[in-house]
Amino acid sequence: MTLIIEEIIVKIVSLFSGCGGLDLGFIEAGFKIVFANDNDKNVIETYEKNHNMKLDTRSITDIASDEIPQAIGVIGGPPCQSWSIAGNLKGINDNRGKLFYEYARVLRDKKPLFFVAENVPGILYKNNIEEFNKLIELLESLSYKITYQLVDSRDYGVPQSRSRVIIIGFKKSLDHKFVFPRSTHSNNQQKLFSTNKWLTLKDAISDLPEAKPGLNKTHANDELDIPNHEYMLGSFSSHYMSRNRRRNWNEQSFTIQAGGRHAPLHPDSSEMIKVAEDLFEFKDNNLKYRRLSVRECARLQTFPDDFIFYYKNLVNGYKMVGNAVPVKLAAILAKQIMKDLLKLEISENNKK
């Protein structure tokens, strides 16, 4: 019995949702979020107001599988800090790393036809690769055909240097293995299949007027013409000054991180020059320099301007934006998954 019915095929569950960048991309592709979960209290207002639905704010460890509605797919990125350099590459030895197994538990119990998980490149590093391979083996044991790839977001129209590991699984009963879509952008105009050059900082943020500073360095500014177009003040740490933080207008931004203190510099800022090992200085201290605003970071994560971030402290604004999956990348992956599903014979037996 064929189950290719619109209201069934589009329903998906979102775990570790954050502010919902991944969700927004899937919604753009025609999917419907029927359950979303994140226990970070600072994302609740942003998620609920932008997605017009309630967020389950319990820890995933406290949510029984039978409390999660049945859906065609499960999407989400278990916390990535444990696998990153910033998190000291603790991987599965960190409690946050163990949350990947909670994600697998939901897949085991709900048996969706597909899933999408996202994580940082560090999950593939030498001291994590053994555990990563175990995770892949676990996912395969749950009757999924797995595809994973280290994706350069610039190749999909995201104007920043941002590499992430994307893991996608389809139920083995569907006899289908996901193939990542061809890149839409390239640094080489002659590259086969890519029709556009990588987008730049100029493409993304040059039309924005001058941003305003946060109040008392990190507090939200109530007098903004453009929502979230405010930047964090404060000194630059020795870690910040250990490397170049500024890209030119005709380049892609550095990775937007989940923290305001390490937000890249605006391209109009003074150049940074290397003066010693792990030490940079501003070339001209008389020139103005500042971090990117929250809205500028959101643009670089390809959020639309009508997606508003709610916070009282700019730290939480930068964190929400930096933790998100770029919306444009999410949408390209989601559209390919939707195409694949519509081509498949999805029957009741696929649930087994």
C-alpha atoms as a PDB file:
ATOM      1  CA  MET A   1       0.000   0.000   0.000  1.00  0.00           C
ATOM      2  CA  THR A   2       1.575   3.275  -1.100  1.00  0.00           C
ATOM      3  CA  LEU A   3       1.895   5.990   1.535  1.00  0.00           C
ATOM      4  CA  ILE A   4       3.032   8.857  -0.662  1.00  0.00           C
ATOM      5  CA  ILE A   5       0.530  11.298   0.803  1.00  0.00           C
ATOM      6  CA  GLU A   6       1.584  14.913   1.299  1.00  0.00           C
ATOM      7  CA  GLU A   7       0.545  15.281   4.933  1.00  0.00           C
ATOM      8  CA  ILE A   8       2.503  12.141   5.868  1.00  0.00           C
ATOM      9  CA  ILE A   9       5.637  12.545   3.824  1.00  0.00           C
ATOM     10  CA  VAL A  10       6.426  16.057   5.035  1.00  0.00           C
ATOM     11  CA  LYS A  11       6.265  15.502   8.799  1.00  0.00           C
ATOM     12  CA  ILE A  12       9.639  15.577  10.536  1.00  0.00           C
ATOM     13  CA  VAL A  13      11.017  15.806  14.074  1.00  0.00           C
ATOM     14  CA  SER A  14      13.725  18.287  15.040  1.00  0.00           C
ATOM     15  CA  LEU A  15      16.124  17.473  17.902  1.00  0.00           C
ATOM     16  CA  PHE A  16      18.776  19.813  19.359  1.00  0.00           C
ATOM     17  CA  SER A  17      16.939  22.480  17.371  1.00  0.00           C
ATOM     18  CA  GLY A  18      18.709  25.603  18.630  1.00  0.00           C
ATOM     19  CA  CYS A  19      17.150  28.663  17.016  1.00  0.00           C
ATOM     20  CA  GLY A  20      16.132  26.535  14.030  1.00  0.00           C
ATOM     21  CA  GLY A  21      18.462  27.168  11.081  1.00  0.00           C
ATOM     22  CA  LEU A  22      18.302  23.544   9.948  1.00  0.00           C
ATOM     23  CA  ASP A  23      14.545  23.542  10.509  1.00  0.00           C
ATOM     24  CA  LEU A  24      14.090  26.672   8.411  1.00  0.00           C
ATOM     25  CA  GLY A  25      15.854  25.055   5.469  1.00  0.00           C
ATOM     26  CA  PHE A  26      13.650  21.960   5.684  1.00  0.00           C
ATOM     27  CA  ILE A  27      10.512  24.088   5.924  1.00  0.00           C
ATOM     28  CA  GLU A  28      11.610  25.899   2.761  1.00  0.00           C
ATOM     29  CA  ALA A  29      11.844  22.498   1.041  1.00  0.00           C
ATOM     30  CA  GLY A  30       8.252  21.610   1.978  1.00  0.00           C
ATOM     31  CA  PHE A  31       8.683  19.670   5.217  1.00  0.00           C
ATOM     32  CA  LYS A  32       6.632  20.324   8.333  1.00  0.00           C
ATOM     33  CA  ILE A  33       8.150  20.304  11.820  1.00  0.00           C
ATOM     34  CA  VAL A  34       5.782  18.468  14.178  1.00  0.00           C
ATOM     35  CA  PHE A  35       8.068  18.322  17.226  1.00  0.00           C
ATOM     36  CA  ALA A  36      11.112  20.390  18.186  1.00  0.00           C
ATOM     37  CA  ASN A  37      13.359  20.044  21.213  1.00  0.00           C
ATOM     38  CA  ASP A  38      16.191  22.013  22.817  1.00  0.00           C
ATOM     39  CA  ASN A  39      16.890  22.567  26.505  1.00  0.00           C
ATOM     40  CA  ASP A  40      18.794  25.845  26.060  1.00  0.00           C
ATOM     41  CA  LYS A  41      16.501  28.404  27.697  1.00  0.00           C
ATOM     42  CA  ASN A  42      18.086  31.201  25.662  1.00  0.00           C
ATOM     43  CA  VAL A  43      16.716  29.909  22.335  1.00  0.00           C
ATOM     44  CA  ILE A  44      13.091  29.425  23.393  1.00  0.00           C
ATOM     45  CA  GLU A  45      11.671  32.829  22.477  1.00  0.00           C
ATOM     46  CA  THR A  46      13.594  32.984  19.210  1.00  0.00           C
ATOM     47  CA  TYR A  47      12.516  29.514  18.114  1.00  0.00           C
ATOM     48  CA  GLU A  48       8.877  29.832  19.125  1.00  0.00           C
ATOM     49  CA  LYS A  49       8.282  33.286  17.632  1.00  0.00           C
ATOM     50  CA  ASN A  50      10.009  32.548  14.332  1.00  0.00           C
ATOM     51  CA  HIS A  51       8.606  29.045  13.846  1.00  0.00           C
ATOM     52  CA  ASN A  52       5.217  29.678  15.450  1.00  0.00           C
ATOM     53  CA  MET A  53       5.312  26.484  17.497  1.00  0.00           C
ATOM     54  CA  LYS A  54       6.159  25.376  21.020  1.00  0.00           C
ATOM     55  CA  LEU A  55       9.621  24.060  21.796  1.00  0.00           C
ATOM     56  CA  ASP A  56       9.966  21.086  24.129  1.00  0.00           C
ATOM     57  CA  THR A  57      12.604  22.401  26.533  1.00  0.00           C
ATOM     58  CA  ARG A  58      13.462  19.205  28.407  1.00  0.00           C
ATOM     59  CA  SER A  59      16.762  17.437  28.035  1.00  0.00           C
ATOM     60  CA  ILE A  60      16.519  14.717  25.406  1.00  0.00           C
ATOM     61  CA  THR A  61      17.528  12.273  28.149  1.00  0.00           C
ATOM     62  CA  ASP A  62      14.223  13.044  29.903  1.00  0.00           C
ATOM     63  CA  ILE A  63      12.016  12.558  26.840  1.00  0.00           C
ATOM     64  CA  ALA A  64      10.690   9.053  26.322  1.00  0.00           C
ATOM     65  CA  SER A  65      10.566   7.980  22.697  1.00  0.00           C
ATOM     66  CA  ASP A  66       6.816   7.425  22.850  1.00  0.00           C
ATOM     67  CA  GLU A  67       6.380  11.128  23.675  1.00  0.00           C
ATOM     68  CA  ILE A  68       7.833  12.043  20.282  1.00  0.00           C
ATOM     69  CA  PRO A  69       5.303  11.955  17.428  1.00  0.00           C
ATOM     70  CA  GLN A  70       5.764   9.616  14.496  1.00  0.00           C
ATOM     71  CA  ALA A  71       7.341  11.297  11.487  1.00  0.00           C
ATOM     72  CA  ILE A  72       8.998  10.547   8.171  1.00  0.00           C
ATOM     73  CA  GLY A  73      12.327  12.044   9.232  1.00  0.00           C
ATOM     74  CA  VAL A  74      14.445  13.187  12.180  1.00  0.00           C
ATOM     75  CA  ILE A  75      16.879  16.089  11.845  1.00  0.00           C
ATOM     76  CA  GLY A  76      19.285  17.770  14.234  1.00  0.00           C
ATOM     77  CA  GLY A  77      22.857  18.231  15.339  1.00  0.00           C
ATOM     78  CA  PRO A  78      23.797  16.808  18.747  1.00  0.00           C
ATOM     79  CA  PRO A  79      26.009  19.336  20.612  1.00  0.00           C
ATOM     80  CA  CYS A  80      29.282  19.668  18.773  1.00  0.00           C
ATOM     81  CA  GLN A  81      31.545  21.239  21.417  1.00  0.00           C
ATOM     82  CA  SER A  82      32.824  17.851  22.566  1.00  0.00           C
ATOM     83  CA  TRP A  83      34.224  17.137  19.115  1.00  0.00           C
ATOM     84  CA  SER A  84      35.723  20.573  18.451  1.00  0.00           C
ATOM     85  CA  ILE A  85      39.098  22.111  19.105  1.00  0.00           C
ATOM     86  CA  ALA A  86      37.339  24.676  21.316  1.00  0.00           C
ATOM     87  CA  GLY A  87      35.966  21.768  23.341  1.00  0.00           C
ATOM     88  CA  ASN A  88      39.417  20.147  23.582  1.00  0.00           C
ATOM     89  CA  LEU A  89      38.292  17.238  21.383  1.00  0.00           C
ATOM     90  CA  LYS A  90      36.917  15.255  24.329  1.00  0.00           C
ATOM     91  CA  GLY A  91      34.404  13.520  22.081  1.00  0.00           C
ATOM     92  CA  ILE A  92      32.409  10.744  23.663  1.00  0.00           C
ATOM     93  CA  ASN A  93      34.227  11.224  26.982  1.00  0.00           C
ATOM     94  CA  ASP A  94      32.250  14.433  27.437  1.00  0.00           C
ATOM     95  CA  ASN A  95      28.593  14.090  28.492  1.00  0.00           C
ATOM     96  CA  ARG A  96      27.632  16.294  25.544  1.00  0.00           C
ATOM     97  CA  GLY A  97      29.282  13.791  23.217  1.00  0.00           C
ATOM     98  CA  LYS A  98      27.129  11.018  24.678  1.00  0.00           C
ATOM     99  CA  LEU A  99      24.014  12.845  23.454  1.00  0.00           C
ATOM    100  CA  PHE A 100      24.688  11.382  20.015  1.00  0.00           C
ATOM    101  CA  TYR A 101      23.582   8.065  21.506  1.00  0.00           C
ATOM    102  CA  GLU A 102      20.313   9.653  22.620  1.00  0.00           C
ATOM    103  CA  TYR A 103      19.810  10.736  19.035  1.00  0.00           C
ATOM    104  CA  ALA A 104      20.403   7.125  17.959  1.00  0.00           C
ATOM    105  CA  ARG A 105      17.944   5.930  20.590  1.00  0.00           C
ATOM    106  CA  VAL A 106      15.198   8.046  19.027  1.00  0.00           C
ATOM    107  CA  LEU A 107      16.045   6.656  15.583  1.00  0.00           C
ATOM    108  CA  ARG A 108      15.912   3.107  16.950  1.00  0.00           C
ATOM    109  CA  ASP A 109      12.513   3.593  18.563  1.00  0.00           C
ATOM    110  CA  LYS A 110      10.748   5.857  16.036  1.00  0.00           C
ATOM    111  CA  LYS A 111      12.200   4.256  12.874  1.00  0.00           C
ATOM    112  CA  PRO A 112      11.937   7.338  10.598  1.00  0.00           C
ATOM    113  CA  LEU A 113      12.568   6.800   6.908  1.00  0.00           C
ATOM    114  CA  PHE A 114      15.506   9.182   6.979  1.00  0.00           C
ATOM    115  CA  PHE A 115      17.614  11.267   9.349  1.00  0.00           C
ATOM    116  CA  VAL A 116      20.079  14.138   9.072  1.00  0.00           C
ATOM    117  CA  ALA A 117      22.771  14.891  11.654  1.00  0.00           C
ATOM    118  CA  GLU A 118      25.356  17.694  11.553  1.00  0.00           C
ATOM    119  CA  ASN A 119      28.617  18.099  13.443  1.00  0.00           C
ATOM    120  CA  VAL A 120      31.997  19.833  13.407  1.00  0.00           C
ATOM    121  CA  PRO A 121      35.020  18.572  11.422  1.00  0.00           C
ATOM    122  CA  GLY A 122      36.699  17.550  14.674  1.00  0.00           C
ATOM    123  CA  ILE A 123      34.495  14.479  14.819  1.00  0.00           C
ATOM    124  CA  LEU A 124      36.706  13.096  12.006  1.00  0.00           C
ATOM    125  CA  TYR A 125      40.028  13.957  13.670  1.00  0.00           C
ATOM    126  CA  LYS A 126      42.494  11.240  14.598  1.00  0.00           C
ATOM    127  CA  ASN A 127      41.621  11.150  18.303  1.00  0.00           C
ATOM    128  CA  ASN A 128      37.877  10.969  17.527  1.00  0.00           C
ATOM    129  CA  ILE A 129      37.734   8.838  14.372  1.00  0.00           C
ATOM    130  CA  GLU A 130      37.515   5.514  16.206  1.00  0.00           C
ATOM    131  CA  GLU A 131      34.477   6.697  18.149  1.00  0.00           C
ATOM    132  CA  PHE A 132      32.994   8.248  15.010  1.00  0.00           C
ATOM    133  CA  ASN A 133      33.281   4.918  13.191  1.00  0.00           C
ATOM    134  CA  LYS A 134      31.474   3.250  16.098  1.00  0.00           C
ATOM    135  CA  LEU A 135      28.683   5.799  15.754  1.00  0.00           C
ATOM    136  CA  ILE A 136      28.389   5.033  12.046  1.00  0.00           C
ATOM    137  CA  GLU A 137      28.306   1.297  12.807  1.00  0.00           C
ATOM    138  CA  LEU A 138      25.577   1.919  15.368  1.00  0.00           C
ATOM    139  CA  LEU A 139      23.491   3.888  12.865  1.00  0.00           C
ATOM    140  CA  GLU A 140      23.960   1.172  10.269  1.00  0.00           C
ATOM    141  CA  SER A 141      22.860  -1.450  12.820  1.00  0.00           C
ATOM    142  CA  LEU A 142      19.574   0.442  13.100  1.00  0.00           C
ATOM    143  CA  SER A 143      18.897  -0.493   9.453  1.00  0.00           C
ATOM    144  CA  TYR A 144      20.079   2.697   7.782  1.00  0.00           C
ATOM    145  CA  LYS A 145      22.222   3.166   4.695  1.00  0.00           C
ATOM    146  CA  ILE A 146      24.610   5.921   5.730  1.00  0.00           C
ATOM    147  CA  THR A 147      26.241   8.659   3.699  1.00  0.00           C
ATOM    148  CA  TYR A 148      28.493  11.245   5.325  1.00  0.00           C
ATOM    149  CA  GLN A 149      30.586  14.015   3.893  1.00  0.00           C
ATOM    150  CA  LEU A 150      32.735  16.915   5.054  1.00  0.00           C
ATOM    151  CA  VAL A 151      30.910  19.779   3.387  1.00  0.00           C
ATOM    152  CA  ASP A 152      32.364  23.195   2.575  1.00  0.00           C
ATOM    153  CA  SER A 153      29.399  25.532   3.003  1.00  0.00           C
ATOM    154  CA  ARG A 154      30.881  27.948   0.475  1.00  0.00           C
ATOM    155  CA  ASP A 155      30.112  25.388  -2.224  1.00  0.00           C
ATOM    156  CA  TYR A 156      26.408  25.810  -1.493  1.00  0.00           C
ATOM    157  CA  GLY A 157      26.068  29.581  -1.486  1.00  0.00           C
ATOM    158  CA  VAL A 158      27.084  30.355   2.100  1.00  0.00           C
ATOM    159  CA  PRO A 159      29.475  33.342   2.251  1.00  0.00           C
ATOM    160  CA  GLN A 160      31.789  32.001   4.956  1.00  0.00           C
ATOM    161  CA  SER A 161      34.525  29.410   5.366  1.00  0.00           C
ATOM    162  CA  ARG A 162      32.527  26.803   7.244  1.00  0.00           C
ATOM    163  CA  SER A 163      33.200  23.072   7.044  1.00  0.00           C
ATOM    164  CA  ARG A 164      30.814  20.652   8.708  1.00  0.00           C
ATOM    165  CA  VAL A 165      30.253  16.896   8.699  1.00  0.00           C
ATOM    166  CA  ILE A 166      26.789  16.004   7.424  1.00  0.00           C
ATOM    167  CA  ILE A 167      25.501  12.475   8.118  1.00  0.00           C
ATOM    168  CA  ILE A 168      22.388  11.322   6.260  1.00  0.00           C
ATOM    169  CA  GLY A 169      20.733   7.932   6.527  1.00  0.00           C
ATOM    170  CA  PHE A 170      17.853   6.296   4.646  1.00  0.00           C
ATOM    171  CA  LYS A 171      16.123   3.133   5.845  1.00  0.00           C
ATOM    172  CA  LYS A 172      17.712   0.098   4.225  1.00  0.00           C
ATOM    173  CA  SER A 173      14.258  -1.111   3.220  1.00  0.00           C
ATOM    174  CA  LEU A 174      14.077   1.826   0.807  1.00  0.00           C
ATOM    175  CA  ASP A 175      17.182   0.499  -0.994  1.00  0.00           C
ATOM    176  CA  HIS A 176      18.477   4.022  -1.417  1.00  0.00           C
ATOM    177  CA  LYS A 177      21.729   5.685  -0.450  1.00  0.00           C
ATOM    178  CA  PHE A 178      21.755   9.462  -0.349  1.00  0.00           C
ATOM    179  CA  VAL A 179      24.038  11.246  -2.810  1.00  0.00           C
ATOM    180  CA  PHE A 180      25.052  14.770  -1.864  1.00  0.00           C
ATOM    181  CA  PRO A 181      23.871  17.371  -4.377  1.00  0.00           C
ATOM    182  CA  ARG A 182      26.437  18.916  -6.687  1.00  0.00           C
ATOM    183  CA  SER A 183      27.913  22.183  -5.506  1.00  0.00           C
ATOM    184  CA  THR A 184      26.118  25.310  -6.653  1.00  0.00           C
ATOM    185  CA  HIS A 185      29.111  27.608  -6.142  1.00  0.00           C
ATOM    186  CA  SER A 186      32.848  27.352  -6.673  1.00  0.00           C
ATOM    187  CA  ASN A 187      36.050  29.350  -6.386  1.00  0.00           C
ATOM    188  CA  ASN A 188      36.859  28.140  -9.895  1.00  0.00           C
ATOM    189  CA  GLN A 189      34.473  29.392 -12.554  1.00  0.00           C
ATOM    190  CA  GLN A 190      35.680  26.630 -14.869  1.00  0.00           C
ATOM    191  CA  LYS A 191      34.713  23.926 -12.380  1.00  0.00           C
ATOM    192  CA  LEU A 192      32.248  21.506 -13.925  1.00  0.00           C
ATOM    193  CA  PHE A 193      28.653  21.717 -12.633  1.00  0.00           C
ATOM    194  CA  SER A 194      29.235  24.879 -10.556  1.00  0.00           C
ATOM    195  CA  THR A 195      27.631  27.922 -12.120  1.00  0.00           C
ATOM    196  CA  ASN A 196      28.368  30.634  -9.541  1.00  0.00           C
ATOM    197  CA  LYS A 197      31.420  31.950  -7.760  1.00  0.00           C
ATOM    198  CA  TRP A 198      31.642  31.712  -3.997  1.00  0.00           C
ATOM    199  CA  LEU A 199      29.675  34.519  -2.389  1.00  0.00           C
ATOM    200  CA  THR A 200      31.632  37.173  -0.533  1.00  0.00           C
ATOM    201  CA  LEU A 201      31.264  39.496   2.419  1.00  0.00           C
ATOM    202  CA  LYS A 202      30.356  42.213  -0.072  1.00  0.00           C
ATOM    203  CA  ASP A 203      27.536  40.092  -1.472  1.00  0.00           C
ATOM    204  CA  ALA A 204      26.197  39.356   2.003  1.00  0.00           C
ATOM    205  CA  ILE A 205      26.453  42.492   4.118  1.00  0.00           C
ATOM    206  CA  SER A 206      27.639  45.520   2.096  1.00  0.00           C
ATOM    207  CA  ASP A 207      24.102  46.930   1.827  1.00  0.00           C
ATOM    208  CA  LEU A 208      23.689  47.161   5.601  1.00  0.00           C
ATOM    209  CA  PRO A 209      24.131  50.592   7.235  1.00  0.00           C
ATOM    210  CA  GLU A 210      26.583  51.074  10.072  1.00  0.00           C
ATOM    211  CA  ALA A 211      25.757  48.881  13.053  1.00  0.00           C
ATOM    212  CA  LYS A 212      25.275  50.203  16.566  1.00  0.00           C
ATOM    213  CA  PRO A 213      27.242  49.139  19.624  1.00  0.00           C
ATOM    214  CA  GLY A 214      25.687  47.111  22.398  1.00  0.00           C
ATOM    215  CA  LEU A 215      24.886  48.929  25.607  1.00  0.00           C
ATOM    216  CA  ASN A 216      27.340  48.415  28.450  1.00  0.00           C
ATOM    217  CA  LYS A 217      29.415  46.390  25.986  1.00  0.00           C
ATOM    218  CA  THR A 218      27.174  43.293  25.838  1.00  0.00           C
ATOM    219  CA  HIS A 219      23.587  44.395  26.505  1.00  0.00           C
ATOM    220  CA  ALA A 220      20.995  44.612  23.734  1.00  0.00           C
ATOM    221  CA  ASN A 221      20.476  48.061  22.226  1.00  0.00           C
ATOM    222  CA  ASP A 222      16.792  49.043  22.139  1.00  0.00           C
ATOM    223  CA  GLU A 223      17.294  51.751  19.507  1.00  0.00           C
ATOM    224  CA  LEU A 224      17.990  49.759  16.360  1.00  0.00           C
ATOM    225  CA  ASP A 225      16.721  50.529  12.860  1.00  0.00           C
ATOM    226  CA  ILE A 226      17.502  46.965  11.773  1.00  0.00           C
ATOM    227  CA  PRO A 227      16.779  44.136  14.251  1.00  0.00           C
ATOM    228  CA  ASN A 228      19.927  42.575  15.767  1.00  0.00           C
ATOM    229  CA  HIS A 229      22.250  44.949  13.907  1.00  0.00           C
ATOM    230  CA  GLU A 230      24.396  45.589  16.987  1.00  0.00           C
ATOM    231  CA  TYR A 231      27.846  44.433  17.983  1.00  0.00           C
ATOM    232  CA  MET A 232      29.664  43.439  21.116  1.00  0.00           C
ATOM    233  CA  LEU A 233      32.216  45.783  22.644  1.00  0.00           C
ATOM    234  CA  GLY A 234      35.074  44.889  24.923  1.00  0.00           C
ATOM    235  CA  SER A 235      38.744  44.023  24.718  1.00  0.00           C
ATOM    236  CA  PHE A 236      40.199  41.430  22.393  1.00  0.00           C
ATOM    237  CA  SER A 237      41.695  38.494  24.259  1.00  0.00           C
ATOM    238  CA  SER A 238      45.187  37.113  23.670  1.00  0.00           C
ATOM    239  CA  HIS A 239      43.541  34.116  22.009  1.00  0.00           C
ATOM    240  CA  TYR A 240      41.643  36.448  19.672  1.00  0.00           C
ATOM    241  CA  MET A 241      44.864  38.285  18.810  1.00  0.00           C
ATOM    242  CA  SER A 242      46.716  35.012  18.155  1.00  0.00           C
ATOM    243  CA  ARG A 243      45.443  34.864  14.560  1.00  0.00           C
ATOM    244  CA  ASN A 244      44.045  37.041  11.802  1.00  0.00           C
ATOM    245  CA  ARG A 245      40.339  37.801  12.346  1.00  0.00           C
ATOM    246  CA  ARG A 246      39.662  40.035   9.362  1.00  0.00           C
ATOM    247  CA  ARG A 247      38.713  39.137   5.817  1.00  0.00           C
ATOM    248  CA  ASN A 248      38.409  41.584   2.910  1.00  0.00           C
ATOM    249  CA  TRP A 249      35.148  42.483   1.212  1.00  0.00           C
ATOM    250  CA  ASN A 250      35.942  40.226  -1.752  1.00  0.00           C
ATOM    251  CA  GLU A 251      36.557  37.180   0.465  1.00  0.00           C
ATOM    252  CA  GLN A 252      34.347  34.855   2.468  1.00  0.00           C
ATOM    253  CA  SER A 253      33.980  35.427   6.194  1.00  0.00           C
ATOM    254  CA  PHE A 254      35.791  33.310   8.725  1.00  0.00           C
ATOM    255  CA  THR A 255      33.525  30.714  10.388  1.00  0.00           C
ATOM    256  CA  ILE A 256      30.798  32.321  12.474  1.00  0.00           C
ATOM    257  CA  GLN A 257      31.384  30.859  15.925  1.00  0.00           C
ATOM    258  CA  ALA A 258      28.982  30.448  18.827  1.00  0.00           C
ATOM    259  CA  GLY A 259      30.384  33.367  20.799  1.00  0.00           C
ATOM    260  CA  GLY A 260      30.576  37.132  20.451  1.00  0.00           C
ATOM    261  CA  ARG A 261      34.089  37.515  21.807  1.00  0.00           C
ATOM    262  CA  HIS A 262      35.415  35.585  18.820  1.00  0.00           C
ATOM    263  CA  ALA A 263      33.173  37.090  16.155  1.00  0.00           C
ATOM    264  CA  PRO A 264      35.206  38.050  13.052  1.00  0.00           C
ATOM    265  CA  LEU A 265      36.099  41.665  12.410  1.00  0.00           C
ATOM    266  CA  HIS A 266      34.103  43.794  10.013  1.00  0.00           C
ATOM    267  CA  PRO A 267      35.977  44.089   6.680  1.00  0.00           C
ATOM    268  CA  ASP A 268      36.251  47.874   7.073  1.00  0.00           C
ATOM    269  CA  SER A 269      38.327  47.329  10.218  1.00  0.00           C
ATOM    270  CA  SER A 270      42.062  47.853  10.345  1.00  0.00           C
ATOM    271  CA  GLU A 271      44.145  45.032   8.898  1.00  0.00           C
ATOM    272  CA  MET A 272      45.812  42.640  11.310  1.00  0.00           C
ATOM    273  CA  ILE A 273      49.510  41.910  10.876  1.00  0.00           C
ATOM    274  CA  LYS A 274      51.554  39.093  12.365  1.00  0.00           C
ATOM    275  CA  VAL A 275      54.279  40.368  14.701  1.00  0.00           C
ATOM    276  CA  ALA A 276      55.299  37.128  16.418  1.00  0.00           C
ATOM    277  CA  GLU A 277      54.322  33.493  16.724  1.00  0.00           C
ATOM    278  CA  ASP A 278      50.622  33.423  17.638  1.00  0.00           C
ATOM    279  CA  LEU A 279      50.499  37.192  17.940  1.00  0.00           C
ATOM    280  CA  PHE A 280      48.820  39.728  15.657  1.00  0.00           C
ATOM    281  CA  GLU A 281      48.356  43.470  15.979  1.00  0.00           C
ATOM    282  CA  PHE A 282      46.102  45.980  14.271  1.00  0.00           C
ATOM    283  CA  LYS A 283      48.061  47.623  11.473  1.00  0.00           C
ATOM    284  CA  ASP A 284      46.613  51.040  12.208  1.00  0.00           C
ATOM    285  CA  ASN A 285      45.208  51.621  15.677  1.00  0.00           C
ATOM    286  CA  ASN A 286      43.849  54.974  14.554  1.00  0.00           C
ATOM    287  CA  LEU A 287      41.404  53.237  12.252  1.00  0.00           C
ATOM    288  CA  LYS A 288      38.034  52.058  13.444  1.00  0.00           C
ATOM    289  CA  TYR A 289      37.634  48.353  14.031  1.00  0.00           C
ATOM    290  CA  ARG A 290      34.816  46.255  15.418  1.00  0.00           C
ATOM    291  CA  ARG A 291      33.335  42.795  15.519  1.00  0.00           C
ATOM    292  CA  LEU A 292      30.585  41.852  13.090  1.00  0.00           C
ATOM    293  CA  SER A 293      27.089  42.575  14.361  1.00  0.00           C
ATOM    294  CA  VAL A 294      24.641  39.822  15.245  1.00  0.00           C
ATOM    295  CA  ARG A 295      22.639  40.639  12.089  1.00  0.00           C
ATOM    296  CA  GLU A 296      25.759  40.551   9.927  1.00  0.00           C
ATOM    297  CA  CYS A 297      26.592  37.126  11.365  1.00  0.00           C
ATOM    298  CA  ALA A 298      23.024  36.036  10.648  1.00  0.00           C
ATOM    299  CA  ARG A 299      23.360  37.210   7.038  1.00  0.00           C
ATOM    300  CA  LEU A 300      26.556  35.162   6.750  1.00  0.00           C
ATOM    301  CA  GLN A 301      24.605  32.170   8.094  1.00  0.00           C
ATOM    302  CA  THR A 302      22.031  32.942   5.343  1.00  0.00           C
ATOM    303  CA  PHE A 303      19.158  33.711   7.717  1.00  0.00           C
ATOM    304  CA  PRO A 304      16.537  36.001   6.165  1.00  0.00           C
ATOM    305  CA  ASP A 305      16.245  39.471   7.673  1.00  0.00           C
ATOM    306  CA  ASP A 306      12.734  38.765   8.941  1.00  0.00           C
ATOM    307  CA  PHE A 307      14.121  36.047  11.223  1.00  0.00           C
ATOM    308  CA  ILE A 308      14.493  37.927  14.512  1.00  0.00           C
ATOM    309  CA  PHE A 309      16.772  36.838  17.344  1.00  0.00           C
ATOM    310  CA  TYR A 310      15.545  37.592  20.866  1.00  0.00           C
ATOM    311  CA  TYR A 311      18.028  38.171  23.670  1.00  0.00           C
ATOM    312  CA  LYS A 312      18.979  40.618  26.401  1.00  0.00           C
ATOM    313  CA  ASN A 313      22.675  39.811  26.285  1.00  0.00           C
ATOM    314  CA  LEU A 314      24.484  39.884  22.939  1.00  0.00           C
ATOM    315  CA  VAL A 315      26.438  36.806  24.006  1.00  0.00           C
ATOM    316  CA  ASN A 316      23.261  34.764  23.573  1.00  0.00           C
ATOM    317  CA  GLY A 317      22.527  36.339  20.198  1.00  0.00           C
ATOM    318  CA  TYR A 318      25.917  35.432  18.784  1.00  0.00           C
ATOM    319  CA  LYS A 319      25.660  31.952  20.289  1.00  0.00           C
ATOM    320  CA  MET A 320      22.312  31.225  18.637  1.00  0.00           C
ATOM    321  CA  VAL A 321      23.527  32.383  15.253  1.00  0.00           C
ATOM    322  CA  GLY A 322      26.875  30.588  15.441  1.00  0.00           C
ATOM    323  CA  ASN A 323      25.396  27.269  16.546  1.00  0.00           C
ATOM    324  CA  ALA A 324      22.941  27.175  13.644  1.00  0.00           C
ATOM    325  CA  VAL A 325      23.255  25.259  10.394  1.00  0.00           C
ATOM    326  CA  PRO A 326      23.355  27.777   7.519  1.00  0.00           C
ATOM    327  CA  VAL A 327      19.817  28.016   6.195  1.00  0.00           C
ATOM    328  CA  LYS A 328      20.812  27.880   2.527  1.00  0.00           C
ATOM    329  CA  LEU A 329      22.867  24.710   3.025  1.00  0.00           C
ATOM    330  CA  ALA A 330      20.010  23.117   4.977  1.00  0.00           C
ATOM    331  CA  ALA A 331      17.527  23.957   2.224  1.00  0.00           C
ATOM    332  CA  ILE A 332      19.687  22.432  -0.531  1.00  0.00           C
ATOM    333  CA  LEU A 333      20.066  19.187   1.425  1.00  0.00           C
ATOM    334  CA  ALA A 334      16.356  19.147   2.301  1.00  0.00           C
ATOM    335  CA  LYS A 335      15.262  19.671  -1.291  1.00  0.00           C
ATOM    336  CA  GLN A 336      17.418  16.761  -2.429  1.00  0.00           C
ATOM    337  CA  ILE A 337      15.942  14.538   0.304  1.00  0.00           C
ATOM    338  CA  MET A 338      12.428  15.556  -0.716  1.00  0.00           C
ATOM    339  CA  LYS A 339      13.181  14.681  -4.352  1.00  0.00           C
ATOM    340  CA  ASP A 340      14.542  11.318  -3.291  1.00  0.00           C
ATOM    341  CA  LEU A 341      11.497  10.508  -1.158  1.00  0.00           C
ATOM    342  CA  LEU A 342       9.068  11.421  -3.912  1.00  0.00           C
ATOM    343  CA  LYS A 343      10.820   9.011  -6.277  1.00  0.00           C
ATOM    344  CA  LEU A 344      10.740   6.082  -3.875  1.00  0.00           C
ATOM    345  CA  GLU A 345       8.093   3.436  -3.391  1.00  0.00           C
ATOM    346  CA  ILE A 346       7.267   4.108   0.249  1.00  0.00           C
ATOM    347  CA  SER A 347       5.113   1.332   1.625  1.00  0.00           C
ATOM    348  CA  GLU A 348       4.034   0.143   5.044  1.00  0.00           C
ATOM    349  CA  ASN A 349       6.772  -2.496   4.924  1.00  0.00           C
ATOM    350  CA  ASN A 350       9.400   0.280   4.915  1.00  0.00           C
ATOM    351  CA  LYS A 351       8.692   0.844   8.590  1.00  0.00           C
ATOM    352  CA  LYS A 352       9.987  -2.591   9.546  1.00  0.00           C
END
